Amino acid sequence: MEPYEIVEAFGGLIALIVISYLIAVDANKKGRSGIAWGLITFFSCFIMIPIYFLLISKDNKS
């Protein structure tokens, strides 16, 4: 494994952790389970991030 691949993988992991944390904090503010949203986002980010943004847009319309 090349050194740049390790750096890319580590950078991606850090970005995923930060995104999961931000979604968890926002979910807590909206009265949802922040821990659940954060963990689900971390383990299935490509599915949960779009779903969360769709829920945010629904909340803003009402």
C-alpha atoms as a PDB file:
ATOM      1  CA  MET A   1       0.000   0.000   0.000  1.00  0.00           C
ATOM      2  CA  GLU A   2       1.372   3.367  -1.023  1.00  0.00           C
ATOM      3  CA  PRO A   3       1.668   6.191   1.535  1.00  0.00           C
ATOM      4  CA  TYR A   4      -0.774   8.420  -0.346  1.00  0.00           C
ATOM      5  CA  GLU A   5      -3.407   5.665  -0.197  1.00  0.00           C
ATOM      6  CA  ILE A   6      -3.096   5.566   3.580  1.00  0.00           C
ATOM      7  CA  VAL A   7      -3.474   9.346   3.761  1.00  0.00           C
ATOM      8  CA  GLU A   8      -6.551   9.239   1.493  1.00  0.00           C
ATOM      9  CA  ALA A   9      -8.159   6.487   3.546  1.00  0.00           C
ATOM     10  CA  PHE A  10      -7.451   8.316   6.797  1.00  0.00           C
ATOM     11  CA  GLY A  11      -8.788  11.582   5.360  1.00  0.00           C
ATOM     12  CA  GLY A  12     -11.960   9.849   4.207  1.00  0.00           C
ATOM     13  CA  LEU A  13     -12.465   8.302   7.628  1.00  0.00           C
ATOM     14  CA  ILE A  14     -12.011  11.678   9.335  1.00  0.00           C
ATOM     15  CA  ALA A  15     -14.514  13.279   6.926  1.00  0.00           C
ATOM     16  CA  LEU A  16     -17.021  10.499   7.610  1.00  0.00           C
ATOM     17  CA  ILE A  17     -16.645  10.947  11.369  1.00  0.00           C
ATOM     18  CA  VAL A  18     -17.139  14.712  11.081  1.00  0.00           C
ATOM     19  CA  ILE A  19     -20.230  14.343   8.860  1.00  0.00           C
ATOM     20  CA  SER A  20     -21.719  11.736  11.205  1.00  0.00           C
ATOM     21  CA  TYR A  21     -21.114  14.005  14.200  1.00  0.00           C
ATOM     22  CA  LEU A  22     -22.698  17.024  12.505  1.00  0.00           C
ATOM     23  CA  ILE A  23     -25.777  15.025  11.525  1.00  0.00           C
ATOM     24  CA  ALA A  24     -26.049  13.666  15.081  1.00  0.00           C
ATOM     25  CA  VAL A  25     -25.882  17.180  16.559  1.00  0.00           C
ATOM     26  CA  ASP A  26     -28.488  18.483  14.120  1.00  0.00           C
ATOM     27  CA  ALA A  27     -30.765  15.506  14.782  1.00  0.00           C
ATOM     28  CA  ASN A  28     -30.580  16.204  18.530  1.00  0.00           C
ATOM     29  CA  LYS A  29     -31.580  19.822  17.929  1.00  0.00           C
ATOM     30  CA  LYS A  30     -34.638  18.665  15.981  1.00  0.00           C
ATOM     31  CA  GLY A  31     -35.750  16.225  18.662  1.00  0.00           C
ATOM     32  CA  ARG A  32     -34.605  13.081  16.895  1.00  0.00           C
ATOM     33  CA  SER A  33     -32.217  10.443  18.236  1.00  0.00           C
ATOM     34  CA  GLY A  34     -28.792  11.912  17.543  1.00  0.00           C
ATOM     35  CA  ILE A  35     -26.895   8.788  18.530  1.00  0.00           C
ATOM     36  CA  ALA A  36     -28.942   6.620  16.177  1.00  0.00           C
ATOM     37  CA  TRP A  37     -28.632   9.063  13.280  1.00  0.00           C
ATOM     38  CA  GLY A  38     -24.899   9.432  13.839  1.00  0.00           C
ATOM     39  CA  LEU A  39     -24.222   5.695  13.998  1.00  0.00           C
ATOM     40  CA  ILE A  40     -26.448   4.846  11.049  1.00  0.00           C
ATOM     41  CA  THR A  41     -24.817   7.611   9.007  1.00  0.00           C
ATOM     42  CA  PHE A  42     -21.353   6.341   9.904  1.00  0.00           C
ATOM     43  CA  PHE A  43     -22.078   2.767   8.875  1.00  0.00           C
ATOM     44  CA  SER A  44     -24.195   3.499   5.791  1.00  0.00           C
ATOM     45  CA  CYS A  45     -23.248   7.024   4.762  1.00  0.00           C
ATOM     46  CA  PHE A  46     -24.108   6.787   1.072  1.00  0.00           C
ATOM     47  CA  ILE A  47     -27.705   5.926   1.932  1.00  0.00           C
ATOM     48  CA  MET A  48     -28.332   8.021   5.045  1.00  0.00           C
ATOM     49  CA  ILE A  49     -26.840  11.360   4.010  1.00  0.00           C
ATOM     50  CA  PRO A  50     -29.310  11.870   1.105  1.00  0.00           C
ATOM     51  CA  ILE A  51     -32.199  10.618   3.268  1.00  0.00           C
ATOM     52  CA  TYR A  52     -31.303  13.090   6.003  1.00  0.00           C
ATOM     53  CA  PHE A  53     -31.133  15.989   3.551  1.00  0.00           C
ATOM     54  CA  LEU A  54     -34.551  15.005   2.186  1.00  0.00           C
ATOM     55  CA  LEU A  55     -35.960  15.061   5.712  1.00  0.00           C
ATOM     56  CA  ILE A  56     -34.419  18.482   6.341  1.00  0.00           C
ATOM     57  CA  SER A  57     -36.043  19.878   3.204  1.00  0.00           C
ATOM     58  CA  LYS A  58     -39.432  18.473   4.305  1.00  0.00           C
ATOM     59  CA  ASP A  59     -39.047  20.098   7.739  1.00  0.00           C
ATOM     60  CA  ASN A  60     -38.232  23.460   6.179  1.00  0.00           C
ATOM     61  CA  LYS A  61     -41.345  23.416   3.970  1.00  0.00           C
ATOM     62  CA  SER A  62     -43.760  22.857   6.832  1.00  0.00           C
END
